[in-house]
Amino acid sequence: MSWINAVEVYHRIERDHGRVDADQTLLDLRTELELELPGVGRMLEAGRLKAALPIALADCFAIATAAAHGVPLLTGDPEILDRDDLPCGVEDLRPVKKKHHR
């Protein structure tokens, strides 16, 4: 996971739940995942993706990082899930909706 995306997670959790929860989440991420600072090549790849795709720059970093490691991107973002032109696979993290039978 890119530090760009870790910071995005951090700021959203701090905004919604407070700094203590954000700090704990970052600690959990650092325990479970390898967080990497993007180098120039990765930053340029994210920029190329941003130029070609109408999605957020942080999402471009996530895509570029997954592609560089040859792994699927885990996301619940419909803007990413609905695309079929990404350089990496994508796995949907959205909860499965249960069908109601009558």
C-alpha atoms as a PDB file:
ATOM      1  CA  MET A   1       0.000   0.000   0.000  1.00  0.00           C
ATOM      2  CA  SER A   2       1.255   3.452  -0.846  1.00  0.00           C
ATOM      3  CA  TRP A   3       1.707   5.979   1.942  1.00  0.00           C
ATOM      4  CA  ILE A   4      -0.449   8.271  -0.213  1.00  0.00           C
ATOM      5  CA  ASN A   5      -3.389   5.926   0.329  1.00  0.00           C
ATOM      6  CA  ALA A   6      -2.543   5.327   3.989  1.00  0.00           C
ATOM      7  CA  VAL A   7      -2.689   9.089   4.577  1.00  0.00           C
ATOM      8  CA  GLU A   8      -6.032   9.198   2.790  1.00  0.00           C
ATOM      9  CA  VAL A   9      -7.382   6.516   5.148  1.00  0.00           C
ATOM     10  CA  TYR A  10      -5.877   8.347   8.120  1.00  0.00           C
ATOM     11  CA  HIS A  11      -7.464  11.710   7.341  1.00  0.00           C
ATOM     12  CA  ARG A  12     -10.898  10.216   6.726  1.00  0.00           C
ATOM     13  CA  ILE A  13     -10.849   8.284  10.001  1.00  0.00           C
ATOM     14  CA  GLU A  14      -9.595  11.277  11.973  1.00  0.00           C
ATOM     15  CA  ARG A  15     -12.285  13.486  10.448  1.00  0.00           C
ATOM     16  CA  ASP A  16     -15.068  10.976  11.136  1.00  0.00           C
ATOM     17  CA  HIS A  17     -13.914   9.256  14.346  1.00  0.00           C
ATOM     18  CA  GLY A  18     -11.063  11.272  15.887  1.00  0.00           C
ATOM     19  CA  ARG A  19      -7.302  11.159  16.091  1.00  0.00           C
ATOM     20  CA  VAL A  20      -7.091   8.211  18.506  1.00  0.00           C
ATOM     21  CA  ASP A  21      -8.958   5.949  16.061  1.00  0.00           C
ATOM     22  CA  ALA A  22      -6.918   7.293  13.145  1.00  0.00           C
ATOM     23  CA  ASP A  23      -3.644   6.608  14.980  1.00  0.00           C
ATOM     24  CA  GLN A  24      -4.765   3.074  15.857  1.00  0.00           C
ATOM     25  CA  THR A  25      -5.854   2.360  12.284  1.00  0.00           C
ATOM     26  CA  LEU A  26      -2.506   3.549  10.936  1.00  0.00           C
ATOM     27  CA  LEU A  27      -0.712   1.360  13.467  1.00  0.00           C
ATOM     28  CA  ASP A  28      -2.851  -1.609  12.381  1.00  0.00           C
ATOM     29  CA  LEU A  29      -2.119  -0.915   8.708  1.00  0.00           C
ATOM     30  CA  ARG A  30       1.604  -0.698   9.375  1.00  0.00           C
ATOM     31  CA  THR A  31       1.462  -4.017  11.226  1.00  0.00           C
ATOM     32  CA  GLU A  32      -0.449  -5.815   8.464  1.00  0.00           C
ATOM     33  CA  LEU A  33       0.843  -4.168   5.282  1.00  0.00           C
ATOM     34  CA  GLU A  34       4.041  -2.880   3.811  1.00  0.00           C
ATOM     35  CA  LEU A  35       3.524   0.845   3.320  1.00  0.00           C
ATOM     36  CA  GLU A  36       5.800   2.298   0.693  1.00  0.00           C
ATOM     37  CA  LEU A  37       6.776   5.793  -0.285  1.00  0.00           C
ATOM     38  CA  PRO A  38       6.272   6.179  -4.010  1.00  0.00           C
ATOM     39  CA  GLY A  39       9.417   6.843  -5.979  1.00  0.00           C
ATOM     40  CA  VAL A  40       9.620   9.049  -9.043  1.00  0.00           C
ATOM     41  CA  GLY A  41       8.651   6.203 -11.389  1.00  0.00           C
ATOM     42  CA  ARG A  42       5.521   5.380  -9.389  1.00  0.00           C
ATOM     43  CA  MET A  43       4.589   9.060  -9.163  1.00  0.00           C
ATOM     44  CA  LEU A  44       4.924   9.432 -12.931  1.00  0.00           C
ATOM     45  CA  GLU A  45       2.815   6.313 -13.483  1.00  0.00           C
ATOM     46  CA  ALA A  46       0.125   7.731 -11.189  1.00  0.00           C
ATOM     47  CA  GLY A  47       0.288  10.980 -13.168  1.00  0.00           C
ATOM     48  CA  ARG A  48      -0.111   9.092 -16.449  1.00  0.00           C
ATOM     49  CA  LEU A  49      -3.125   7.249 -15.047  1.00  0.00           C
ATOM     50  CA  LYS A  50      -4.639  10.541 -13.860  1.00  0.00           C
ATOM     51  CA  ALA A  51      -4.147  12.032 -17.323  1.00  0.00           C
ATOM     52  CA  ALA A  52      -5.958   9.086 -18.918  1.00  0.00           C
ATOM     53  CA  LEU A  53      -8.686   8.367 -16.353  1.00  0.00           C
ATOM     54  CA  PRO A  54     -11.300  10.591 -14.702  1.00  0.00           C
ATOM     55  CA  ILE A  55     -10.567   9.337 -11.184  1.00  0.00           C
ATOM     56  CA  ALA A  56      -8.932  10.777  -8.054  1.00  0.00           C
ATOM     57  CA  LEU A  57      -5.155  11.088  -7.920  1.00  0.00           C
ATOM     58  CA  ALA A  58      -4.969   8.979  -4.740  1.00  0.00           C
ATOM     59  CA  ASP A  59      -6.855   6.229  -6.588  1.00  0.00           C
ATOM     60  CA  CYS A  60      -4.247   6.443  -9.349  1.00  0.00           C
ATOM     61  CA  PHE A  61      -1.523   5.814  -6.747  1.00  0.00           C
ATOM     62  CA  ALA A  62      -3.446   2.776  -5.477  1.00  0.00           C
ATOM     63  CA  ILE A  63      -3.797   1.418  -9.016  1.00  0.00           C
ATOM     64  CA  ALA A  64      -0.152   2.084  -9.900  1.00  0.00           C
ATOM     65  CA  THR A  65       1.023   0.408  -6.680  1.00  0.00           C
ATOM     66  CA  ALA A  66      -1.126  -2.679  -7.217  1.00  0.00           C
ATOM     67  CA  ALA A  67       0.014  -2.947 -10.840  1.00  0.00           C
ATOM     68  CA  ALA A  68       3.689  -2.612  -9.865  1.00  0.00           C
ATOM     69  CA  HIS A  69       3.325  -5.499  -7.417  1.00  0.00           C
ATOM     70  CA  GLY A  70       1.216  -7.638  -9.759  1.00  0.00           C
ATOM     71  CA  VAL A  71      -1.643  -7.860  -7.266  1.00  0.00           C
ATOM     72  CA  PRO A  72      -5.318  -6.929  -7.523  1.00  0.00           C
ATOM     73  CA  LEU A  73      -6.500  -3.654  -6.041  1.00  0.00           C
ATOM     74  CA  LEU A  74      -8.952  -4.198  -3.192  1.00  0.00           C
ATOM     75  CA  THR A  75     -11.576  -1.447  -3.276  1.00  0.00           C
ATOM     76  CA  GLY A  76     -15.213  -0.592  -2.852  1.00  0.00           C
ATOM     77  CA  ASP A  77     -14.983   2.467  -5.095  1.00  0.00           C
ATOM     78  CA  PRO A  78     -17.489   2.218  -7.984  1.00  0.00           C
ATOM     79  CA  GLU A  79     -15.370   4.622 -10.074  1.00  0.00           C
ATOM     80  CA  ILE A  80     -12.649   1.967 -10.089  1.00  0.00           C
ATOM     81  CA  LEU A  81     -14.807  -1.160 -10.032  1.00  0.00           C
ATOM     82  CA  ASP A  82     -16.751  -0.083 -13.123  1.00  0.00           C
ATOM     83  CA  ARG A  83     -13.606   0.223 -15.272  1.00  0.00           C
ATOM     84  CA  ASP A  84     -12.149  -2.493 -17.436  1.00  0.00           C
ATOM     85  CA  ASP A  85      -9.103  -0.564 -18.668  1.00  0.00           C
ATOM     86  CA  LEU A  86      -6.881  -0.657 -15.577  1.00  0.00           C
ATOM     87  CA  PRO A  87      -3.346  -2.085 -15.491  1.00  0.00           C
ATOM     88  CA  CYS A  88      -4.244  -4.260 -12.493  1.00  0.00           C
ATOM     89  CA  GLY A  89      -7.033  -6.574 -11.449  1.00  0.00           C
ATOM     90  CA  VAL A  90      -9.687  -5.320  -9.056  1.00  0.00           C
ATOM     91  CA  GLU A  91     -11.506  -7.075  -6.222  1.00  0.00           C
ATOM     92  CA  ASP A  92     -14.782  -5.669  -4.911  1.00  0.00           C
ATOM     93  CA  LEU A  93     -14.815  -5.069  -1.150  1.00  0.00           C
ATOM     94  CA  ARG A  94     -18.398  -3.865  -0.993  1.00  0.00           C
ATOM     95  CA  PRO A  95     -20.649  -6.000   1.198  1.00  0.00           C
ATOM     96  CA  VAL A  96     -22.844  -8.416  -0.684  1.00  0.00           C
ATOM     97  CA  LYS A  97     -26.474  -7.389  -0.507  1.00  0.00           C
ATOM     98  CA  LYS A  98     -28.825 -10.135   0.562  1.00  0.00           C
ATOM     99  CA  LYS A  99     -31.839 -10.749  -1.630  1.00  0.00           C
ATOM    100  CA  HIS A 100     -35.192 -10.746   0.101  1.00  0.00           C
ATOM    101  CA  HIS A 101     -37.582 -13.521  -0.872  1.00  0.00           C
ATOM    102  CA  ARG A 102     -41.310 -12.957  -0.722  1.00  0.00           C
END
